[in-house]
Amino acid sequence: MYLAAIEDGEYKQEKLDFWDNVYGFDMRAIKKIAVREPLVDVVDQRAVVTDACAFKSLDLNTVTKADLDFSSEFRIKATGNDYVHAFIAYFDITFSACHKPVYFSTGPQVKYTHWKQTVFYIDDTLTVKNKEVIKGKITCKPNQKNPRDLDISISYTFQGELSNSQGSYEFHMC
């Protein structure tokens, strides 16, 4: 599984900042809930502004339920001068224990699959310059009330030339 960062200000403003003023009503309380539910969507490769970091590897032949409760550190590097509005996660998979091995990726750099990518919006906008690094940790565990749901937390620190930021976010994925 991989993590990268994207510039997605237009979508974030359209879909999330919408809640700040809904036909004259302040609905920011709903925005706080909406932003904590990851968005499963197709991300255009041009929106990706960092390299990708492999944060978890699972062997489908031996994986256990306990393996799905994990915490991993990540380190991603900006590939140009841009803004970061969200992190994305995706996976690559190889079915190698079959007659003819099959490999595919769900990343934004390849043809669309129905798995798409998972987008995790953050409150801050990071201003990154080429080769600056965002460090952090991603944690995933089954939700206690519904083990089919996932509780995902992402924390990060960024110290760049133009901006500094740190954040910690809890997401709930149904």
N, C-alpha and C. Protein backbone atom coordinates (compact mmCIF):
# COMPACT_ATOMS: atom_id res chain seq x y z
N MET A 1 0.85 -1.16 0.00
CA MET A 1 0.00 0.00 0.00
C MET A 1 0.90 1.23 0.00
N TYR A 2 0.43 2.28 -0.66
CA TYR A 2 1.22 3.49 -0.86
C TYR A 2 0.47 4.72 -0.39
N LEU A 3 1.24 5.74 -0.04
CA LEU A 3 0.70 7.03 0.36
C LEU A 3 1.44 8.11 -0.41
N ALA A 4 0.71 9.11 -0.89
CA ALA A 4 1.29 10.28 -1.56
C ALA A 4 0.44 11.48 -1.17
N ALA A 5 0.81 12.66 -1.65
CA ALA A 5 0.04 13.87 -1.36
C ALA A 5 -0.41 14.50 -2.68
N ILE A 6 -1.54 15.21 -2.61
CA ILE A 6 -2.10 15.82 -3.82
C ILE A 6 -2.47 17.28 -3.59
N GLU A 7 -2.51 18.02 -4.69
CA GLU A 7 -3.06 19.37 -4.74
C GLU A 7 -4.49 19.19 -5.22
N ASP A 8 -5.45 19.64 -4.45
CA ASP A 8 -6.85 19.44 -4.81
C ASP A 8 -7.71 20.57 -4.25
N GLY A 9 -7.20 21.79 -4.33
CA GLY A 9 -7.88 22.93 -3.74
C GLY A 9 -9.26 23.20 -4.31
N GLU A 10 -9.41 23.05 -5.62
CA GLU A 10 -10.69 23.35 -6.25
C GLU A 10 -11.79 22.41 -5.75
N TYR A 11 -11.50 21.12 -5.73
CA TYR A 11 -12.50 20.15 -5.26
C TYR A 11 -12.78 20.35 -3.77
N LYS A 12 -11.72 20.53 -2.98
CA LYS A 12 -11.88 20.72 -1.55
C LYS A 12 -12.78 21.92 -1.27
N GLN A 13 -12.56 23.01 -1.99
CA GLN A 13 -13.38 24.21 -1.79
C GLN A 13 -14.82 23.94 -2.21
N GLU A 14 -14.99 23.30 -3.36
CA GLU A 14 -16.33 23.05 -3.88
C GLU A 14 -17.15 22.12 -2.99
N LYS A 15 -16.53 21.01 -2.55
CA LYS A 15 -17.28 19.98 -1.83
C LYS A 15 -17.24 20.12 -0.31
N LEU A 16 -16.17 20.68 0.23
CA LEU A 16 -16.07 20.75 1.68
C LEU A 16 -16.33 22.14 2.23
N ASP A 17 -15.78 23.16 1.59
CA ASP A 17 -16.01 24.53 2.06
C ASP A 17 -17.45 24.96 1.81
N PHE A 18 -18.16 24.23 0.97
CA PHE A 18 -19.58 24.44 0.72
C PHE A 18 -20.37 24.53 2.03
N TRP A 19 -19.97 23.71 3.02
CA TRP A 19 -20.69 23.63 4.28
C TRP A 19 -20.56 24.89 5.13
N ASP A 20 -19.62 25.77 4.81
CA ASP A 20 -19.46 27.01 5.58
C ASP A 20 -20.66 27.93 5.43
N ASN A 21 -21.32 27.87 4.26
CA ASN A 21 -22.46 28.74 4.00
C ASN A 21 -23.39 28.02 3.03
N VAL A 22 -24.38 27.33 3.57
CA VAL A 22 -25.34 26.58 2.76
C VAL A 22 -26.61 27.42 2.66
N TYR A 23 -26.73 28.16 1.57
CA TYR A 23 -27.88 29.02 1.35
C TYR A 23 -28.13 29.95 2.54
N GLY A 24 -27.03 30.50 3.07
CA GLY A 24 -27.12 31.44 4.16
C GLY A 24 -27.03 30.83 5.55
N PHE A 25 -26.94 29.49 5.64
CA PHE A 25 -26.85 28.83 6.92
C PHE A 25 -25.44 28.32 7.17
N ASP A 26 -24.95 28.51 8.38
CA ASP A 26 -23.64 28.02 8.79
C ASP A 26 -23.76 26.55 9.15
N MET A 27 -23.23 25.68 8.30
CA MET A 27 -23.33 24.24 8.49
C MET A 27 -21.96 23.61 8.74
N ARG A 28 -21.05 24.39 9.33
CA ARG A 28 -19.69 23.88 9.57
C ARG A 28 -19.67 22.63 10.44
N ALA A 29 -20.68 22.41 11.25
CA ALA A 29 -20.73 21.19 12.07
C ALA A 29 -20.76 19.95 11.17
N ILE A 30 -21.48 20.03 10.06
CA ILE A 30 -21.52 18.92 9.11
C ILE A 30 -20.20 18.80 8.38
N LYS A 31 -19.57 19.92 8.09
CA LYS A 31 -18.27 19.91 7.41
C LYS A 31 -17.25 19.12 8.24
N LYS A 32 -17.27 19.29 9.55
CA LYS A 32 -16.33 18.58 10.42
C LYS A 32 -16.51 17.07 10.30
N ILE A 33 -17.74 16.63 10.12
CA ILE A 33 -18.01 15.20 9.95
C ILE A 33 -17.63 14.75 8.54
N ALA A 34 -18.01 15.54 7.54
CA ALA A 34 -17.76 15.17 6.14
C ALA A 34 -16.28 15.06 5.83
N VAL A 35 -15.47 15.93 6.37
CA VAL A 35 -14.04 15.93 6.07
C VAL A 35 -13.33 14.73 6.70
N ARG A 36 -13.93 14.11 7.71
CA ARG A 36 -13.31 12.97 8.37
C ARG A 36 -13.70 11.62 7.76
N GLU A 37 -14.50 11.66 6.71
CA GLU A 37 -14.81 10.44 5.99
C GLU A 37 -13.99 10.46 4.70
N PRO A 38 -13.06 9.51 4.56
CA PRO A 38 -12.22 9.52 3.35
C PRO A 38 -13.08 9.42 2.09
N LEU A 39 -12.60 10.04 1.05
CA LEU A 39 -13.29 10.05 -0.24
C LEU A 39 -12.64 9.01 -1.14
N VAL A 40 -13.42 8.10 -1.67
CA VAL A 40 -12.91 7.12 -2.64
C VAL A 40 -13.26 7.67 -4.02
N ASP A 41 -12.22 8.02 -4.77
CA ASP A 41 -12.44 8.69 -6.04
C ASP A 41 -11.22 8.49 -6.95
N VAL A 42 -11.40 8.83 -8.20
CA VAL A 42 -10.30 8.78 -9.15
C VAL A 42 -9.50 10.07 -9.02
N VAL A 43 -8.20 9.95 -8.78
CA VAL A 43 -7.32 11.10 -8.66
C VAL A 43 -6.49 11.18 -9.94
N ASP A 44 -6.49 12.32 -10.56
CA ASP A 44 -5.69 12.53 -11.76
C ASP A 44 -4.21 12.55 -11.38
N GLN A 45 -3.39 11.86 -12.12
CA GLN A 45 -1.95 11.81 -11.84
C GLN A 45 -1.35 13.21 -11.74
N ARG A 46 -1.88 14.16 -12.49
CA ARG A 46 -1.35 15.53 -12.45
C ARG A 46 -1.56 16.21 -11.11
N ALA A 47 -2.48 15.69 -10.29
CA ALA A 47 -2.73 16.27 -8.97
C ALA A 47 -1.71 15.80 -7.93
N VAL A 48 -1.01 14.71 -8.22
CA VAL A 48 -0.04 14.16 -7.27
C VAL A 48 1.20 15.04 -7.26
N VAL A 49 1.58 15.53 -6.07
CA VAL A 49 2.67 16.50 -5.95
C VAL A 49 3.86 15.99 -5.14
N THR A 50 3.83 14.69 -4.79
CA THR A 50 4.95 14.08 -4.07
C THR A 50 5.24 12.72 -4.68
N ASP A 51 6.35 12.15 -4.27
CA ASP A 51 6.57 10.75 -4.62
C ASP A 51 5.65 9.92 -3.73
N ALA A 52 5.61 8.63 -3.98
CA ALA A 52 4.77 7.73 -3.17
C ALA A 52 5.66 6.94 -2.22
N CYS A 53 5.12 6.68 -1.05
CA CYS A 53 5.85 5.91 -0.03
C CYS A 53 5.09 4.62 0.22
N ALA A 54 5.77 3.48 0.06
CA ALA A 54 5.17 2.20 0.43
C ALA A 54 5.11 2.14 1.95
N PHE A 55 3.90 2.03 2.51
CA PHE A 55 3.78 2.05 3.96
C PHE A 55 3.35 0.71 4.55
N LYS A 56 2.87 -0.21 3.73
CA LYS A 56 2.47 -1.52 4.26
C LYS A 56 2.47 -2.54 3.14
N SER A 57 2.98 -3.72 3.45
CA SER A 57 2.99 -4.82 2.51
C SER A 57 2.34 -6.02 3.18
N LEU A 58 1.42 -6.65 2.48
CA LEU A 58 0.72 -7.82 3.01
C LEU A 58 0.84 -8.98 2.02
N ASP A 59 1.03 -10.16 2.52
CA ASP A 59 1.04 -11.37 1.70
C ASP A 59 -0.35 -11.98 1.80
N LEU A 60 -1.10 -11.98 0.71
CA LEU A 60 -2.47 -12.48 0.73
C LEU A 60 -2.55 -13.97 1.05
N ASN A 61 -1.45 -14.70 0.89
CA ASN A 61 -1.44 -16.13 1.21
C ASN A 61 -1.33 -16.38 2.71
N THR A 62 -0.81 -15.41 3.45
CA THR A 62 -0.56 -15.64 4.88
C THR A 62 -1.16 -14.58 5.79
N VAL A 63 -1.80 -13.55 5.24
CA VAL A 63 -2.30 -12.45 6.05
C VAL A 63 -3.32 -12.94 7.08
N THR A 64 -3.25 -12.33 8.27
CA THR A 64 -4.20 -12.64 9.33
C THR A 64 -4.98 -11.38 9.67
N LYS A 65 -6.05 -11.55 10.40
CA LYS A 65 -6.85 -10.41 10.83
C LYS A 65 -5.99 -9.43 11.64
N ALA A 66 -5.09 -9.96 12.47
CA ALA A 66 -4.22 -9.11 13.29
C ALA A 66 -3.31 -8.24 12.43
N ASP A 67 -2.94 -8.71 11.23
CA ASP A 67 -2.06 -7.94 10.35
C ASP A 67 -2.73 -6.67 9.83
N LEU A 68 -4.05 -6.61 9.91
CA LEU A 68 -4.79 -5.46 9.39
C LEU A 68 -4.90 -4.32 10.40
N ASP A 69 -4.37 -4.54 11.57
CA ASP A 69 -4.30 -3.51 12.61
C ASP A 69 -2.83 -3.11 12.69
N PHE A 70 -2.48 -1.97 12.11
CA PHE A 70 -1.07 -1.62 11.99
C PHE A 70 -0.84 -0.12 12.09
N SER A 71 0.40 0.22 12.27
CA SER A 71 0.85 1.61 12.28
C SER A 71 2.17 1.65 11.52
N SER A 72 2.30 2.58 10.57
CA SER A 72 3.51 2.68 9.76
C SER A 72 3.90 4.14 9.58
N GLU A 73 5.20 4.36 9.60
CA GLU A 73 5.69 5.71 9.33
C GLU A 73 5.82 5.91 7.82
N PHE A 74 5.71 7.18 7.40
CA PHE A 74 5.90 7.49 5.98
C PHE A 74 6.77 8.73 5.85
N ARG A 75 7.35 8.85 4.67
CA ARG A 75 8.19 10.00 4.31
C ARG A 75 7.99 10.21 2.82
N ILE A 76 7.39 11.35 2.46
CA ILE A 76 7.14 11.64 1.05
C ILE A 76 7.81 12.96 0.68
N LYS A 77 8.32 13.01 -0.53
CA LYS A 77 9.10 14.16 -0.99
C LYS A 77 8.38 14.87 -2.13
N ALA A 78 8.29 16.19 -2.02
CA ALA A 78 7.65 17.00 -3.06
C ALA A 78 8.40 16.83 -4.39
N THR A 79 7.65 16.75 -5.47
CA THR A 79 8.24 16.59 -6.80
C THR A 79 8.26 17.91 -7.58
N GLY A 80 7.87 18.98 -6.93
CA GLY A 80 7.86 20.31 -7.54
C GLY A 80 7.37 21.32 -6.52
N ASN A 81 7.19 22.55 -6.97
CA ASN A 81 6.65 23.60 -6.11
C ASN A 81 5.13 23.59 -6.24
N ASP A 82 4.43 23.35 -5.14
CA ASP A 82 2.98 23.22 -5.24
C ASP A 82 2.34 23.33 -3.86
N TYR A 83 1.07 22.96 -3.78
CA TYR A 83 0.30 22.95 -2.54
C TYR A 83 -0.14 21.53 -2.25
N VAL A 84 -0.33 21.22 -0.97
CA VAL A 84 -0.86 19.93 -0.55
C VAL A 84 -2.16 20.18 0.20
N HIS A 85 -3.23 19.54 -0.27
CA HIS A 85 -4.53 19.63 0.38
C HIS A 85 -4.98 18.31 0.99
N ALA A 86 -4.35 17.22 0.54
CA ALA A 86 -4.80 15.90 0.99
C ALA A 86 -3.70 14.86 0.77
N PHE A 87 -3.86 13.74 1.45
CA PHE A 87 -3.06 12.56 1.20
C PHE A 87 -3.92 11.57 0.44
N ILE A 88 -3.29 10.71 -0.35
CA ILE A 88 -4.03 9.63 -1.01
C ILE A 88 -3.35 8.31 -0.69
N ALA A 89 -4.16 7.27 -0.65
CA ALA A 89 -3.65 5.90 -0.47
C ALA A 89 -4.17 5.05 -1.62
N TYR A 90 -3.34 4.10 -2.01
CA TYR A 90 -3.72 3.14 -3.05
C TYR A 90 -2.87 1.89 -2.87
N PHE A 91 -3.20 0.85 -3.64
CA PHE A 91 -2.42 -0.38 -3.51
C PHE A 91 -2.07 -0.96 -4.87
N ASP A 92 -0.99 -1.72 -4.87
CA ASP A 92 -0.59 -2.55 -5.99
C ASP A 92 -0.74 -3.99 -5.51
N ILE A 93 -1.05 -4.90 -6.44
CA ILE A 93 -1.25 -6.28 -6.02
C ILE A 93 -0.72 -7.23 -7.08
N THR A 94 -0.17 -8.33 -6.60
CA THR A 94 0.28 -9.41 -7.48
C THR A 94 -0.36 -10.70 -6.99
N PHE A 95 -1.06 -11.38 -7.88
CA PHE A 95 -1.57 -12.72 -7.61
C PHE A 95 -0.56 -13.67 -8.25
N SER A 96 0.39 -14.13 -7.44
CA SER A 96 1.51 -14.90 -7.98
C SER A 96 1.37 -16.41 -7.83
N ALA A 97 0.41 -16.86 -7.03
CA ALA A 97 0.26 -18.29 -6.79
C ALA A 97 -0.76 -18.90 -7.75
N CYS A 98 -0.72 -18.47 -8.99
CA CYS A 98 -1.64 -19.01 -9.98
C CYS A 98 -0.85 -19.37 -11.24
N HIS A 99 -1.52 -20.03 -12.16
CA HIS A 99 -0.86 -20.50 -13.39
C HIS A 99 -0.16 -19.37 -14.13
N LYS A 100 -0.84 -18.27 -14.28
CA LYS A 100 -0.28 -17.10 -14.94
C LYS A 100 -0.40 -15.92 -13.98
N PRO A 101 0.70 -15.47 -13.36
CA PRO A 101 0.63 -14.38 -12.39
C PRO A 101 -0.03 -13.12 -12.97
N VAL A 102 -0.79 -12.44 -12.11
CA VAL A 102 -1.50 -11.23 -12.50
C VAL A 102 -1.05 -10.10 -11.58
N TYR A 103 -0.71 -8.96 -12.16
CA TYR A 103 -0.30 -7.78 -11.40
C TYR A 103 -1.13 -6.60 -11.86
N PHE A 104 -1.55 -5.77 -10.93
CA PHE A 104 -2.13 -4.49 -11.31
C PHE A 104 -1.97 -3.49 -10.17
N SER A 105 -2.15 -2.23 -10.51
CA SER A 105 -2.04 -1.14 -9.56
C SER A 105 -3.36 -0.38 -9.53
N THR A 106 -3.67 0.18 -8.37
CA THR A 106 -4.84 1.05 -8.25
C THR A 106 -4.39 2.51 -8.12
N GLY A 107 -3.13 2.78 -8.42
CA GLY A 107 -2.58 4.13 -8.29
C GLY A 107 -3.08 5.07 -9.36
N PRO A 108 -2.91 6.36 -9.14
CA PRO A 108 -3.37 7.36 -10.11
C PRO A 108 -2.52 7.40 -11.37
N GLN A 109 -1.38 6.74 -11.37
CA GLN A 109 -0.48 6.76 -12.52
C GLN A 109 -0.85 5.71 -13.57
N VAL A 110 -1.87 4.89 -13.29
CA VAL A 110 -2.26 3.84 -14.23
C VAL A 110 -3.73 3.98 -14.61
N LYS A 111 -4.17 3.14 -15.53
CA LYS A 111 -5.56 3.14 -15.97
C LYS A 111 -6.49 2.88 -14.78
N TYR A 112 -7.60 3.57 -14.77
CA TYR A 112 -8.62 3.50 -13.72
C TYR A 112 -9.04 2.06 -13.42
N THR A 113 -9.18 1.75 -12.14
CA THR A 113 -9.83 0.51 -11.70
C THR A 113 -10.99 0.90 -10.80
N HIS A 114 -11.89 -0.01 -10.55
CA HIS A 114 -13.05 0.34 -9.71
C HIS A 114 -12.65 0.58 -8.26
N TRP A 115 -11.41 0.24 -7.86
CA TRP A 115 -10.97 0.53 -6.49
C TRP A 115 -10.60 1.99 -6.31
N LYS A 116 -10.23 2.65 -7.38
CA LYS A 116 -9.90 4.07 -7.33
C LYS A 116 -8.79 4.35 -6.33
N GLN A 117 -8.78 5.54 -5.72
CA GLN A 117 -7.83 5.89 -4.67
C GLN A 117 -8.64 6.42 -3.48
N THR A 118 -8.02 6.41 -2.32
CA THR A 118 -8.68 6.93 -1.12
C THR A 118 -8.03 8.26 -0.76
N VAL A 119 -8.85 9.30 -0.63
CA VAL A 119 -8.36 10.66 -0.39
C VAL A 119 -8.68 11.06 1.05
N PHE A 120 -7.64 11.56 1.73
CA PHE A 120 -7.75 12.01 3.12
C PHE A 120 -7.44 13.50 3.15
N TYR A 121 -8.47 14.34 3.26
CA TYR A 121 -8.25 15.79 3.28
C TYR A 121 -7.74 16.24 4.65
N ILE A 122 -6.88 17.25 4.63
CA ILE A 122 -6.38 17.86 5.86
C ILE A 122 -6.86 19.30 5.91
N ASP A 123 -6.88 19.87 7.10
CA ASP A 123 -7.38 21.23 7.27
C ASP A 123 -6.44 22.28 6.69
N ASP A 124 -5.15 22.11 6.92
CA ASP A 124 -4.16 23.08 6.44
C ASP A 124 -3.86 22.87 4.96
N THR A 125 -3.37 23.92 4.34
CA THR A 125 -2.80 23.82 3.00
C THR A 125 -1.29 23.97 3.17
N LEU A 126 -0.55 22.94 2.76
CA LEU A 126 0.91 23.00 2.86
C LEU A 126 1.46 23.60 1.57
N THR A 127 2.39 24.51 1.69
CA THR A 127 3.08 25.07 0.53
C THR A 127 4.44 24.40 0.47
N VAL A 128 4.60 23.50 -0.52
CA VAL A 128 5.82 22.71 -0.61
C VAL A 128 6.68 23.16 -1.78
N LYS A 129 7.97 23.04 -1.59
CA LYS A 129 8.93 23.29 -2.66
C LYS A 129 9.57 21.96 -3.04
N ASN A 130 10.06 21.89 -4.25
CA ASN A 130 10.68 20.68 -4.77
C ASN A 130 11.65 20.06 -3.76
N LYS A 131 11.49 18.79 -3.52
CA LYS A 131 12.35 17.95 -2.66
C LYS A 131 12.13 18.16 -1.16
N GLU A 132 11.22 19.05 -0.75
CA GLU A 132 10.91 19.16 0.68
C GLU A 132 10.13 17.91 1.11
N VAL A 133 10.27 17.54 2.38
CA VAL A 133 9.77 16.26 2.87
C VAL A 133 8.65 16.44 3.89
N ILE A 134 7.62 15.63 3.74
CA ILE A 134 6.54 15.51 4.72
C ILE A 134 6.73 14.16 5.39
N LYS A 135 6.82 14.17 6.73
CA LYS A 135 6.99 12.93 7.48
C LYS A 135 5.74 12.69 8.30
N GLY A 136 5.45 11.42 8.54
CA GLY A 136 4.28 11.15 9.37
C GLY A 136 4.08 9.70 9.69
N LYS A 137 2.88 9.43 10.16
CA LYS A 137 2.50 8.07 10.54
C LYS A 137 1.05 7.83 10.14
N ILE A 138 0.79 6.65 9.61
CA ILE A 138 -0.57 6.23 9.30
C ILE A 138 -0.88 5.00 10.13
N THR A 139 -2.05 5.01 10.75
CA THR A 139 -2.48 3.89 11.59
C THR A 139 -3.85 3.43 11.09
N CYS A 140 -4.02 2.13 11.04
CA CYS A 140 -5.28 1.56 10.57
C CYS A 140 -5.70 0.45 11.51
N LYS A 141 -6.97 0.45 11.87
CA LYS A 141 -7.50 -0.62 12.71
C LYS A 141 -8.99 -0.77 12.46
N PRO A 142 -9.51 -1.98 12.65
CA PRO A 142 -10.96 -2.17 12.50
C PRO A 142 -11.71 -1.34 13.54
N ASN A 143 -12.85 -0.80 13.15
CA ASN A 143 -13.69 -0.04 14.05
C ASN A 143 -14.28 -0.99 15.10
N GLN A 144 -14.32 -0.55 16.35
CA GLN A 144 -14.81 -1.42 17.43
C GLN A 144 -16.30 -1.72 17.32
N LYS A 145 -17.09 -0.77 16.80
CA LYS A 145 -18.53 -1.00 16.69
C LYS A 145 -18.88 -1.83 15.47
N ASN A 146 -18.12 -1.63 14.38
CA ASN A 146 -18.38 -2.39 13.15
C ASN A 146 -17.03 -2.80 12.56
N PRO A 147 -16.62 -4.06 12.73
CA PRO A 147 -15.29 -4.48 12.28
C PRO A 147 -15.10 -4.42 10.76
N ARG A 148 -16.18 -4.19 10.01
CA ARG A 148 -16.04 -4.01 8.56
C ARG A 148 -15.57 -2.59 8.22
N ASP A 149 -15.78 -1.66 9.15
CA ASP A 149 -15.32 -0.29 8.98
C ASP A 149 -13.89 -0.17 9.48
N LEU A 150 -13.20 0.86 9.00
CA LEU A 150 -11.83 1.09 9.42
C LEU A 150 -11.70 2.45 10.09
N ASP A 151 -10.91 2.50 11.14
CA ASP A 151 -10.51 3.76 11.75
C ASP A 151 -9.07 4.00 11.32
N ILE A 152 -8.85 5.10 10.65
CA ILE A 152 -7.54 5.42 10.10
C ILE A 152 -7.12 6.76 10.67
N SER A 153 -5.91 6.82 11.17
CA SER A 153 -5.38 8.11 11.63
C SER A 153 -4.13 8.42 10.84
N ILE A 154 -3.98 9.69 10.52
CA ILE A 154 -2.79 10.18 9.82
C ILE A 154 -2.28 11.38 10.61
N SER A 155 -1.01 11.31 10.98
CA SER A 155 -0.37 12.46 11.60
C SER A 155 0.85 12.80 10.75
N TYR A 156 1.19 14.08 10.70
CA TYR A 156 2.32 14.49 9.86
C TYR A 156 3.00 15.71 10.46
N THR A 157 4.23 15.91 10.05
CA THR A 157 4.95 17.16 10.33
C THR A 157 5.60 17.60 9.03
N PHE A 158 5.60 18.90 8.83
CA PHE A 158 6.23 19.47 7.64
C PHE A 158 6.92 20.76 8.04
N GLN A 159 8.19 20.86 7.69
CA GLN A 159 8.95 22.08 7.93
C GLN A 159 9.60 22.47 6.61
N GLY A 160 8.95 23.39 5.92
CA GLY A 160 9.45 23.82 4.63
C GLY A 160 9.93 25.26 4.69
N GLU A 161 10.44 25.70 3.56
CA GLU A 161 10.92 27.08 3.47
C GLU A 161 9.77 28.08 3.54
N LEU A 162 8.62 27.73 2.95
CA LEU A 162 7.50 28.66 2.87
C LEU A 162 6.39 28.40 3.88
N SER A 163 6.36 27.22 4.47
CA SER A 163 5.34 26.92 5.47
C SER A 163 5.80 25.79 6.38
N ASN A 164 5.27 25.81 7.58
CA ASN A 164 5.49 24.74 8.55
C ASN A 164 4.13 24.32 9.06
N SER A 165 3.96 23.03 9.27
CA SER A 165 2.67 22.56 9.73
C SER A 165 2.82 21.18 10.35
N GLN A 166 1.93 20.90 11.27
CA GLN A 166 1.80 19.55 11.78
C GLN A 166 0.33 19.32 12.04
N GLY A 167 -0.08 18.09 11.90
CA GLY A 167 -1.49 17.78 12.11
C GLY A 167 -1.68 16.33 12.45
N SER A 168 -2.82 16.06 13.04
CA SER A 168 -3.20 14.70 13.38
C SER A 168 -4.69 14.58 13.11
N TYR A 169 -5.08 13.61 12.32
CA TYR A 169 -6.46 13.49 11.88
C TYR A 169 -6.95 12.07 12.07
N GLU A 170 -8.20 11.95 12.48
CA GLU A 170 -8.87 10.66 12.63
C GLU A 170 -9.91 10.56 11.54
N PHE A 171 -9.88 9.46 10.79
CA PHE A 171 -10.83 9.22 9.71
C PHE A 171 -11.59 7.94 9.99
N HIS A 172 -12.83 7.89 9.51
CA HIS A 172 -13.66 6.69 9.64
C HIS A 172 -14.10 6.28 8.24
N MET A 173 -13.73 5.07 7.85
CA MET A 173 -14.04 4.59 6.51
C MET A 173 -15.06 3.46 6.59
N CYS A 174 -16.22 3.71 6.00
CA CYS A 174 -17.30 2.69 6.02
C CYS A 174 -17.14 1.73 4.87
